[in-house]
Amino acid sequence: MELHKLKIKYKYWLEVNCENKPFELRKNDRDYQVDDLINFTVVDLPIGKGVKVISFSTTTVYQITYVLKNCSEYGLDKDYCILGIMKLEHK
């Protein structure tokens, strides 16, 4: 089991964090495996009308539940994968 630290745009993180988006489309450059963990750093967070951009690391950890790859017959490029993810609860 490996912990992957990944960047994510704020607008997508909102949907992942609210569990509306239980998947991630990613370049398959890390040999993702079922049961690996993900911790996100949120980037491109606009603040106010001046649109200052900041980033922050989240403390939430997600577990990879499924990895879809090598599926070019449905339009998924060979260099990419779709990860099924599940938020792990804090205890």
PDB file of N, CA and C in Angstrom:
ATOM      1  N   MET A   1       0.842  -1.173   0.000  1.00  0.00           N
ATOM      2  CA  MET A   1       0.000   0.000   0.000  1.00  0.00           C
ATOM      3  C   MET A   1       0.888   1.237   0.000  1.00  0.00           C
ATOM      4  N   GLU A   2       0.586   2.173  -0.902  1.00  0.00           N
ATOM      5  CA  GLU A   2       1.388   3.381  -1.038  1.00  0.00           C
ATOM      6  C   GLU A   2       0.502   4.613  -0.834  1.00  0.00           C
ATOM      7  N   LEU A   3       1.071   5.678  -0.289  1.00  0.00           N
ATOM      8  CA  LEU A   3       0.374   6.952  -0.144  1.00  0.00           C
ATOM      9  C   LEU A   3       0.825   7.863  -1.274  1.00  0.00           C
ATOM     10  N   HIS A   4      -0.133   8.284  -2.106  1.00  0.00           N
ATOM     11  CA  HIS A   4       0.147   9.186  -3.216  1.00  0.00           C
ATOM     12  C   HIS A   4      -0.292  10.592  -2.813  1.00  0.00           C
ATOM     13  N   LYS A   5       0.605  11.552  -2.937  1.00  0.00           N
ATOM     14  CA  LYS A   5       0.284  12.950  -2.658  1.00  0.00           C
ATOM     15  C   LYS A   5       0.061  13.625  -4.004  1.00  0.00           C
ATOM     16  N   LEU A   6      -1.194  14.009  -4.262  1.00  0.00           N
ATOM     17  CA  LEU A   6      -1.578  14.518  -5.566  1.00  0.00           C
ATOM     18  C   LEU A   6      -2.155  15.924  -5.472  1.00  0.00           C
ATOM     19  N   LYS A   7      -1.950  16.712  -6.514  1.00  0.00           N
ATOM     20  CA  LYS A   7      -2.566  18.031  -6.614  1.00  0.00           C
ATOM     21  C   LYS A   7      -3.938  17.888  -7.246  1.00  0.00           C
ATOM     22  N   ILE A   8      -4.861  18.771  -6.834  1.00  0.00           N
ATOM     23  CA  ILE A   8      -6.203  18.777  -7.395  1.00  0.00           C
ATOM     24  C   ILE A   8      -6.713  20.212  -7.413  1.00  0.00           C
ATOM     25  N   LYS A   9      -7.402  20.588  -8.481  1.00  0.00           N
ATOM     26  CA  LYS A   9      -7.988  21.925  -8.549  1.00  0.00           C
ATOM     27  C   LYS A   9      -9.141  22.015  -7.555  1.00  0.00           C
ATOM     28  N   TYR A  10      -9.298  23.208  -7.000  1.00  0.00           N
ATOM     29  CA  TYR A  10     -10.296  23.440  -5.958  1.00  0.00           C
ATOM     30  C   TYR A  10     -11.694  22.996  -6.385  1.00  0.00           C
ATOM     31  N   LYS A  11     -12.109  23.343  -7.608  1.00  0.00           N
ATOM     32  CA  LYS A  11     -13.473  23.014  -8.044  1.00  0.00           C
ATOM     33  C   LYS A  11     -13.716  21.502  -8.084  1.00  0.00           C
ATOM     34  N   TYR A  12     -12.690  20.723  -8.372  1.00  0.00           N
ATOM     35  CA  TYR A  12     -12.844  19.265  -8.380  1.00  0.00           C
ATOM     36  C   TYR A  12     -12.757  18.693  -6.964  1.00  0.00           C
ATOM     37  N   TRP A  13     -11.887  19.288  -6.145  1.00  0.00           N
ATOM     38  CA  TRP A  13     -11.770  18.831  -4.766  1.00  0.00           C
ATOM     39  C   TRP A  13     -13.096  19.000  -4.016  1.00  0.00           C
ATOM     40  N   LEU A  14     -13.802  20.105  -4.278  1.00  0.00           N
ATOM     41  CA  LEU A  14     -15.105  20.299  -3.624  1.00  0.00           C
ATOM     42  C   LEU A  14     -16.024  19.110  -3.884  1.00  0.00           C
ATOM     43  N   GLU A  15     -16.081  18.656  -5.115  1.00  0.00           N
ATOM     44  CA  GLU A  15     -16.950  17.531  -5.473  1.00  0.00           C
ATOM     45  C   GLU A  15     -16.451  16.210  -4.889  1.00  0.00           C
ATOM     46  N   VAL A  16     -15.134  16.025  -4.867  1.00  0.00           N
ATOM     47  CA  VAL A  16     -14.561  14.818  -4.261  1.00  0.00           C
ATOM     48  C   VAL A  16     -14.832  14.817  -2.760  1.00  0.00           C
ATOM     49  N   ASN A  17     -14.587  15.943  -2.119  1.00  0.00           N
ATOM     50  CA  ASN A  17     -14.746  16.041  -0.669  1.00  0.00           C
ATOM     51  C   ASN A  17     -16.196  15.838  -0.225  1.00  0.00           C
ATOM     52  N   CYS A  18     -17.146  16.297  -1.044  1.00  0.00           N
ATOM     53  CA  CYS A  18     -18.575  16.111  -0.732  1.00  0.00           C
ATOM     54  C   CYS A  18     -19.075  14.728  -1.157  1.00  0.00           C
ATOM     55  N   GLU A  19     -18.183  13.926  -1.716  1.00  0.00           N
ATOM     56  CA  GLU A  19     -18.471  12.571  -2.174  1.00  0.00           C
ATOM     57  C   GLU A  19     -19.450  12.527  -3.339  1.00  0.00           C
ATOM     58  N   ASN A  20     -19.522  13.627  -4.114  1.00  0.00           N
ATOM     59  CA  ASN A  20     -20.309  13.652  -5.350  1.00  0.00           C
ATOM     60  C   ASN A  20     -19.511  13.088  -6.515  1.00  0.00           C
ATOM     61  N   LYS A  21     -18.212  13.067  -6.386  1.00  0.00           N
ATOM     62  CA  LYS A  21     -17.302  12.615  -7.448  1.00  0.00           C
ATOM     63  C   LYS A  21     -16.393  11.521  -6.878  1.00  0.00           C
ATOM     64  N   PRO A  22     -16.836  10.265  -6.917  1.00  0.00           N
ATOM     65  CA  PRO A  22     -16.056   9.168  -6.320  1.00  0.00           C
ATOM     66  C   PRO A  22     -15.027   8.569  -7.278  1.00  0.00           C
ATOM     67  N   PHE A  23     -14.442   9.409  -8.123  1.00  0.00           N
ATOM     68  CA  PHE A  23     -13.453   8.924  -9.076  1.00  0.00           C
ATOM     69  C   PHE A  23     -12.481  10.047  -9.410  1.00  0.00           C
ATOM     70  N   GLU A  24     -11.342   9.678  -9.956  1.00  0.00           N
ATOM     71  CA  GLU A  24     -10.333  10.617 -10.426  1.00  0.00           C
ATOM     72  C   GLU A  24      -9.778  10.106 -11.738  1.00  0.00           C
ATOM     73  N   LEU A  25      -9.661  10.985 -12.709  1.00  0.00           N
ATOM     74  CA  LEU A  25      -8.984  10.678 -13.964  1.00  0.00           C
ATOM     75  C   LEU A  25      -7.556  11.176 -13.815  1.00  0.00           C
ATOM     76  N   ARG A  26      -6.596  10.289 -13.956  1.00  0.00           N
ATOM     77  CA  ARG A  26      -5.190  10.640 -13.711  1.00  0.00           C
ATOM     78  C   ARG A  26      -4.282  10.030 -14.761  1.00  0.00           C
ATOM     79  N   LYS A  27      -3.153  10.697 -14.992  1.00  0.00           N
ATOM     80  CA  LYS A  27      -2.105  10.098 -15.812  1.00  0.00           C
ATOM     81  C   LYS A  27      -1.599   8.878 -15.031  1.00  0.00           C
ATOM     82  N   ASN A  28      -1.461   7.780 -15.714  1.00  0.00           N
ATOM     83  CA  ASN A  28      -1.080   6.528 -15.050  1.00  0.00           C
ATOM     84  C   ASN A  28       0.448   6.428 -14.993  1.00  0.00           C
ATOM     85  N   ASP A  29       1.041   7.321 -14.186  1.00  0.00           N
ATOM     86  CA  ASP A  29       2.498   7.370 -14.085  1.00  0.00           C
ATOM     87  C   ASP A  29       3.007   6.976 -12.699  1.00  0.00           C
ATOM     88  N   ARG A  30       2.119   6.407 -11.866  1.00  0.00           N
ATOM     89  CA  ARG A  30       2.508   6.061 -10.499  1.00  0.00           C
ATOM     90  C   ARG A  30       2.194   4.616 -10.128  1.00  0.00           C
ATOM     91  N   ASP A  31       1.793   3.822 -11.090  1.00  0.00           N
ATOM     92  CA  ASP A  31       1.437   2.427 -10.823  1.00  0.00           C
ATOM     93  C   ASP A  31       0.403   2.327  -9.701  1.00  0.00           C
ATOM     94  N   TYR A  32      -0.701   3.058  -9.854  1.00  0.00           N
ATOM     95  CA  TYR A  32      -1.768   3.036  -8.857  1.00  0.00           C
ATOM     96  C   TYR A  32      -2.303   1.625  -8.679  1.00  0.00           C
ATOM     97  N   GLN A  33      -2.585   1.267  -7.429  1.00  0.00           N
ATOM     98  CA  GLN A  33      -3.104  -0.057  -7.103  1.00  0.00           C
ATOM     99  C   GLN A  33      -4.305   0.086  -6.173  1.00  0.00           C
ATOM    100  N   VAL A  34      -5.220  -0.879  -6.259  1.00  0.00           N
ATOM    101  CA  VAL A  34      -6.332  -0.935  -5.310  1.00  0.00           C
ATOM    102  C   VAL A  34      -5.756  -0.991  -3.906  1.00  0.00           C
ATOM    103  N   ASP A  35      -6.346  -0.257  -2.991  1.00  0.00           N
ATOM    104  CA  ASP A  35      -5.969  -0.114  -1.580  1.00  0.00           C
ATOM    105  C   ASP A  35      -4.870   0.922  -1.341  1.00  0.00           C
ATOM    106  N   ASP A  36      -4.249   1.480  -2.408  1.00  0.00           N
ATOM    107  CA  ASP A  36      -3.345   2.607  -2.204  1.00  0.00           C
ATOM    108  C   ASP A  36      -4.151   3.780  -1.648  1.00  0.00           C
ATOM    109  N   LEU A  37      -3.458   4.721  -1.036  1.00  0.00           N
ATOM    110  CA  LEU A  37      -4.099   5.887  -0.425  1.00  0.00           C
ATOM    111  C   LEU A  37      -3.709   7.157  -1.172  1.00  0.00           C
ATOM    112  N   ILE A  38      -4.611   8.152  -1.119  1.00  0.00           N
ATOM    113  CA  ILE A  38      -4.366   9.443  -1.758  1.00  0.00           C
ATOM    114  C   ILE A  38      -4.601  10.545  -0.749  1.00  0.00           C
ATOM    115  N   ASN A  39      -3.683  11.519  -0.733  1.00  0.00           N
ATOM    116  CA  ASN A  39      -3.853  12.759   0.021  1.00  0.00           C
ATOM    117  C   ASN A  39      -3.709  13.889  -0.991  1.00  0.00           C
ATOM    118  N   PHE A  40      -4.685  14.810  -1.005  1.00  0.00           N
ATOM    119  CA  PHE A  40      -4.698  15.870  -2.002  1.00  0.00           C
ATOM    120  C   PHE A  40      -4.136  17.177  -1.460  1.00  0.00           C
ATOM    121  N   THR A  41      -3.459  17.902  -2.340  1.00  0.00           N
ATOM    122  CA  THR A  41      -3.124  19.304  -2.117  1.00  0.00           C
ATOM    123  C   THR A  41      -3.985  20.097  -3.084  1.00  0.00           C
ATOM    124  N   VAL A  42      -4.818  20.975  -2.539  1.00  0.00           N
ATOM    125  CA  VAL A  42      -5.731  21.768  -3.351  1.00  0.00           C
ATOM    126  C   VAL A  42      -4.975  22.963  -3.906  1.00  0.00           C
ATOM    127  N   VAL A  43      -5.104  23.181  -5.204  1.00  0.00           N
ATOM    128  CA  VAL A  43      -4.446  24.303  -5.872  1.00  0.00           C
ATOM    129  C   VAL A  43      -5.490  25.142  -6.605  1.00  0.00           C
ATOM    130  N   ASP A  44      -5.093  26.323  -7.019  1.00  0.00           N
ATOM    131  CA  ASP A  44      -5.961  27.229  -7.779  1.00  0.00           C
ATOM    132  C   ASP A  44      -7.174  27.674  -6.983  1.00  0.00           C
ATOM    133  N   LEU A  45      -6.978  27.969  -5.712  1.00  0.00           N
ATOM    134  CA  LEU A  45      -8.078  28.439  -4.860  1.00  0.00           C
ATOM    135  C   LEU A  45      -8.142  29.960  -4.942  1.00  0.00           C
ATOM    136  N   PRO A  46      -9.169  30.516  -5.631  1.00  0.00           N
ATOM    137  CA  PRO A  46      -9.271  31.972  -5.739  1.00  0.00           C
ATOM    138  C   PRO A  46      -9.756  32.576  -4.424  1.00  0.00           C
ATOM    139  N   ILE A  47      -9.155  33.698  -4.037  1.00  0.00           N
ATOM    140  CA  ILE A  47      -9.529  34.386  -2.812  1.00  0.00           C
ATOM    141  C   ILE A  47      -9.920  35.819  -3.166  1.00  0.00           C
ATOM    142  N   GLY A  48     -11.187  36.145  -2.961  1.00  0.00           N
ATOM    143  CA  GLY A  48     -11.659  37.513  -3.152  1.00  0.00           C
ATOM    144  C   GLY A  48     -11.653  37.968  -4.599  1.00  0.00           C
ATOM    145  N   LYS A  49     -11.980  39.242  -4.785  1.00  0.00           N
ATOM    146  CA  LYS A  49     -12.084  39.797  -6.135  1.00  0.00           C
ATOM    147  C   LYS A  49     -10.727  39.982  -6.787  1.00  0.00           C
ATOM    148  N   GLY A  50      -9.670  40.110  -5.986  1.00  0.00           N
ATOM    149  CA  GLY A  50      -8.334  40.232  -6.543  1.00  0.00           C
ATOM    150  C   GLY A  50      -7.809  38.929  -7.116  1.00  0.00           C
ATOM    151  N   VAL A  51      -8.527  37.840  -6.897  1.00  0.00           N
ATOM    152  CA  VAL A  51      -8.203  36.500  -7.361  1.00  0.00           C
ATOM    153  C   VAL A  51      -6.755  36.127  -7.065  1.00  0.00           C
ATOM    154  N   LYS A  52      -6.404  36.187  -5.809  1.00  0.00           N
ATOM    155  CA  LYS A  52      -5.124  35.643  -5.384  1.00  0.00           C
ATOM    156  C   LYS A  52      -5.278  34.129  -5.335  1.00  0.00           C
ATOM    157  N   VAL A  53      -4.282  33.422  -5.751  1.00  0.00           N
ATOM    158  CA  VAL A  53      -4.363  31.962  -5.789  1.00  0.00           C
ATOM    159  C   VAL A  53      -3.470  31.390  -4.701  1.00  0.00           C
ATOM    160  N   ILE A  54      -4.066  30.522  -3.892  1.00  0.00           N
ATOM    161  CA  ILE A  54      -3.305  29.852  -2.849  1.00  0.00           C
ATOM    162  C   ILE A  54      -3.489  28.349  -2.994  1.00  0.00           C
ATOM    163  N   SER A  55      -2.770  27.597  -2.216  1.00  0.00           N
ATOM    164  CA  SER A  55      -2.963  26.153  -2.180  1.00  0.00           C
ATOM    165  C   SER A  55      -2.915  25.704  -0.727  1.00  0.00           C
ATOM    166  N   PHE A  56      -3.531  24.550  -0.457  1.00  0.00           N
ATOM    167  CA  PHE A  56      -3.476  23.987   0.888  1.00  0.00           C
ATOM    168  C   PHE A  56      -3.555  22.471   0.809  1.00  0.00           C
ATOM    169  N   SER A  57      -2.938  21.823   1.771  1.00  0.00           N
ATOM    170  CA  SER A  57      -2.987  20.364   1.859  1.00  0.00           C
ATOM    171  C   SER A  57      -4.161  19.967   2.739  1.00  0.00           C
ATOM    172  N   THR A  58      -4.862  18.938   2.343  1.00  0.00           N
ATOM    173  CA  THR A  58      -5.974  18.446   3.137  1.00  0.00           C
ATOM    174  C   THR A  58      -5.482  17.353   4.076  1.00  0.00           C
ATOM    175  N   THR A  59      -6.243  17.099   5.115  1.00  0.00           N
ATOM    176  CA  THR A  59      -5.899  16.007   6.027  1.00  0.00           C
ATOM    177  C   THR A  59      -6.693  14.749   5.700  1.00  0.00           C
ATOM    178  N   THR A  60      -7.674  14.873   4.818  1.00  0.00           N
ATOM    179  CA  THR A  60      -8.502  13.730   4.442  1.00  0.00           C
ATOM    180  C   THR A  60      -7.707  12.779   3.558  1.00  0.00           C
ATOM    181  N   VAL A  61      -7.899  11.500   3.803  1.00  0.00           N
ATOM    182  CA  VAL A  61      -7.230  10.465   3.019  1.00  0.00           C
ATOM    183  C   VAL A  61      -8.301   9.664   2.289  1.00  0.00           C
ATOM    184  N   TYR A  62      -8.003   9.335   1.044  1.00  0.00           N
ATOM    185  CA  TYR A  62      -8.913   8.560   0.203  1.00  0.00           C
ATOM    186  C   TYR A  62      -8.243   7.243  -0.156  1.00  0.00           C
ATOM    187  N   GLN A  63      -9.041   6.196  -0.237  1.00  0.00           N
ATOM    188  CA  GLN A  63      -8.533   4.882  -0.609  1.00  0.00           C
ATOM    189  C   GLN A  63      -8.949   4.581  -2.041  1.00  0.00           C
ATOM    190  N   ILE A  64      -8.037   4.034  -2.821  1.00  0.00           N
ATOM    191  CA  ILE A  64      -8.355   3.619  -4.180  1.00  0.00           C
ATOM    192  C   ILE A  64      -9.089   2.283  -4.111  1.00  0.00           C
ATOM    193  N   THR A  65     -10.301   2.264  -4.667  1.00  0.00           N
ATOM    194  CA  THR A  65     -11.131   1.054  -4.629  1.00  0.00           C
ATOM    195  C   THR A  65     -11.167   0.323  -5.972  1.00  0.00           C
ATOM    196  N   TYR A  66     -10.765   1.045  -7.040  1.00  0.00           N
ATOM    197  CA  TYR A  66     -10.812   0.447  -8.379  1.00  0.00           C
ATOM    198  C   TYR A  66      -9.857   1.205  -9.288  1.00  0.00           C
ATOM    199  N   VAL A  67      -9.209   0.511 -10.198  1.00  0.00           N
ATOM    200  CA  VAL A  67      -8.332   1.142 -11.183  1.00  0.00           C
ATOM    201  C   VAL A  67      -8.755   0.650 -12.569  1.00  0.00           C
ATOM    202  N   LEU A  68      -9.228   1.580 -13.410  1.00  0.00           N
ATOM    203  CA  LEU A  68      -9.581   1.257 -14.796  1.00  0.00           C
ATOM    204  C   LEU A  68      -8.460   1.769 -15.689  1.00  0.00           C
ATOM    205  N   LYS A  69      -7.832   0.870 -16.428  1.00  0.00           N
ATOM    206  CA  LYS A  69      -6.742   1.242 -17.341  1.00  0.00           C
ATOM    207  C   LYS A  69      -6.760   0.296 -18.532  1.00  0.00           C
ATOM    208  N   ASN A  70      -5.970   0.627 -19.541  1.00  0.00           N
ATOM    209  CA  ASN A  70      -5.900  -0.194 -20.756  1.00  0.00           C
ATOM    210  C   ASN A  70      -7.282  -0.442 -21.345  1.00  0.00           C
ATOM    211  N   CYS A  71      -8.021   0.644 -21.524  1.00  0.00           N
ATOM    212  CA  CYS A  71      -9.401   0.543 -21.990  1.00  0.00           C
ATOM    213  C   CYS A  71      -9.618   1.485 -23.185  1.00  0.00           C
ATOM    214  N   SER A  72      -8.743   1.383 -24.181  1.00  0.00           N
ATOM    215  CA  SER A  72      -8.795   2.298 -25.325  1.00  0.00           C
ATOM    216  C   SER A  72     -10.058   2.125 -26.165  1.00  0.00           C
ATOM    217  N   GLU A  73     -10.680   0.965 -26.117  1.00  0.00           N
ATOM    218  CA  GLU A  73     -11.905   0.757 -26.910  1.00  0.00           C
ATOM    219  C   GLU A  73     -13.046   1.669 -26.464  1.00  0.00           C
ATOM    220  N   TYR A  74     -12.924   2.256 -25.261  1.00  0.00           N
ATOM    221  CA  TYR A  74     -13.931   3.201 -24.764  1.00  0.00           C
ATOM    222  C   TYR A  74     -13.375   4.616 -24.656  1.00  0.00           C
ATOM    223  N   GLY A  75     -12.233   4.873 -25.309  1.00  0.00           N
ATOM    224  CA  GLY A  75     -11.698   6.221 -25.385  1.00  0.00           C
ATOM    225  C   GLY A  75     -10.705   6.606 -24.302  1.00  0.00           C
ATOM    226  N   LEU A  76     -10.355   5.689 -23.434  1.00  0.00           N
ATOM    227  CA  LEU A  76      -9.389   5.993 -22.379  1.00  0.00           C
ATOM    228  C   LEU A  76      -7.980   5.795 -22.933  1.00  0.00           C
ATOM    229  N   ASP A  77      -7.240   6.890 -23.029  1.00  0.00           N
ATOM    230  CA  ASP A  77      -5.878   6.848 -23.549  1.00  0.00           C
ATOM    231  C   ASP A  77      -5.027   5.879 -22.731  1.00  0.00           C
ATOM    232  N   LYS A  78      -4.092   5.218 -23.380  1.00  0.00           N
ATOM    233  CA  LYS A  78      -3.260   4.204 -22.710  1.00  0.00           C
ATOM    234  C   LYS A  78      -2.415   4.773 -21.584  1.00  0.00           C
ATOM    235  N   ASP A  79      -2.190   6.084 -21.580  1.00  0.00           N
ATOM    236  CA  ASP A  79      -1.367   6.717 -20.553  1.00  0.00           C
ATOM    237  C   ASP A  79      -2.173   7.198 -19.346  1.00  0.00           C
ATOM    238  N   TYR A  80      -3.485   6.963 -19.354  1.00  0.00           N
ATOM    239  CA  TYR A  80      -4.357   7.454 -18.285  1.00  0.00           C
ATOM    240  C   TYR A  80      -5.129   6.316 -17.632  1.00  0.00           C
ATOM    241  N   CYS A  81      -5.634   6.607 -16.437  1.00  0.00           N
ATOM    242  CA  CYS A  81      -6.471   5.640 -15.734  1.00  0.00           C
ATOM    243  C   CYS A  81      -7.572   6.399 -14.985  1.00  0.00           C
ATOM    244  N   ILE A  82      -8.616   5.686 -14.651  1.00  0.00           N
ATOM    245  CA  ILE A  82      -9.683   6.227 -13.821  1.00  0.00           C
ATOM    246  C   ILE A  82      -9.631   5.477 -12.502  1.00  0.00           C
ATOM    247  N   LEU A  83      -9.541   6.232 -11.417  1.00  0.00           N
ATOM    248  CA  LEU A  83      -9.455   5.651 -10.078  1.00  0.00           C
ATOM    249  C   LEU A  83     -10.789   5.784  -9.367  1.00  0.00           C
ATOM    250  N   GLY A  84     -11.342   4.689  -8.910  1.00  0.00           N
ATOM    251  CA  GLY A  84     -12.469   4.745  -7.996  1.00  0.00           C
ATOM    252  C   GLY A  84     -11.904   5.062  -6.624  1.00  0.00           C
ATOM    253  N   ILE A  85     -12.468   6.070  -5.935  1.00  0.00           N
ATOM    254  CA  ILE A  85     -11.912   6.463  -4.633  1.00  0.00           C
ATOM    255  C   ILE A  85     -13.006   6.549  -3.584  1.00  0.00           C
ATOM    256  N   MET A  86     -12.603   6.333  -2.342  1.00  0.00           N
ATOM    257  CA  MET A  86     -13.519   6.367  -1.204  1.00  0.00           C
ATOM    258  C   MET A  86     -12.851   7.122  -0.070  1.00  0.00           C
ATOM    259  N   LYS A  87     -13.576   8.086   0.496  1.00  0.00           N
ATOM    260  CA  LYS A  87     -13.051   8.851   1.618  1.00  0.00           C
ATOM    261  C   LYS A  87     -12.975   7.955   2.842  1.00  0.00           C
ATOM    262  N   LEU A  88     -11.842   7.985   3.516  1.00  0.00           N
ATOM    263  CA  LEU A  88     -11.700   7.232   4.765  1.00  0.00           C
ATOM    264  C   LEU A  88     -12.113   8.140   5.920  1.00  0.00           C
ATOM    265  N   GLU A  89     -12.842   7.599   6.846  1.00  0.00           N
ATOM    266  CA  GLU A  89     -13.342   8.371   7.991  1.00  0.00           C
ATOM    267  C   GLU A  89     -12.232   8.543   9.013  1.00  0.00           C
ATOM    268  N   HIS A  90     -12.222   9.730   9.624  1.00  0.00           N
ATOM    269  CA  HIS A  90     -11.272   9.985  10.724  1.00  0.00           C
ATOM    270  C   HIS A  90     -11.772   9.293  11.975  1.00  0.00           C
ATOM    271  N   LYS A  91     -10.856   8.701  12.738  1.00  0.00           N
ATOM    272  CA  LYS A  91     -11.258   8.016  13.972  1.00  0.00           C
ATOM    273  C   LYS A  91     -10.567   8.643  15.146  1.00  0.00           C
TER     274      LYS A  91
END
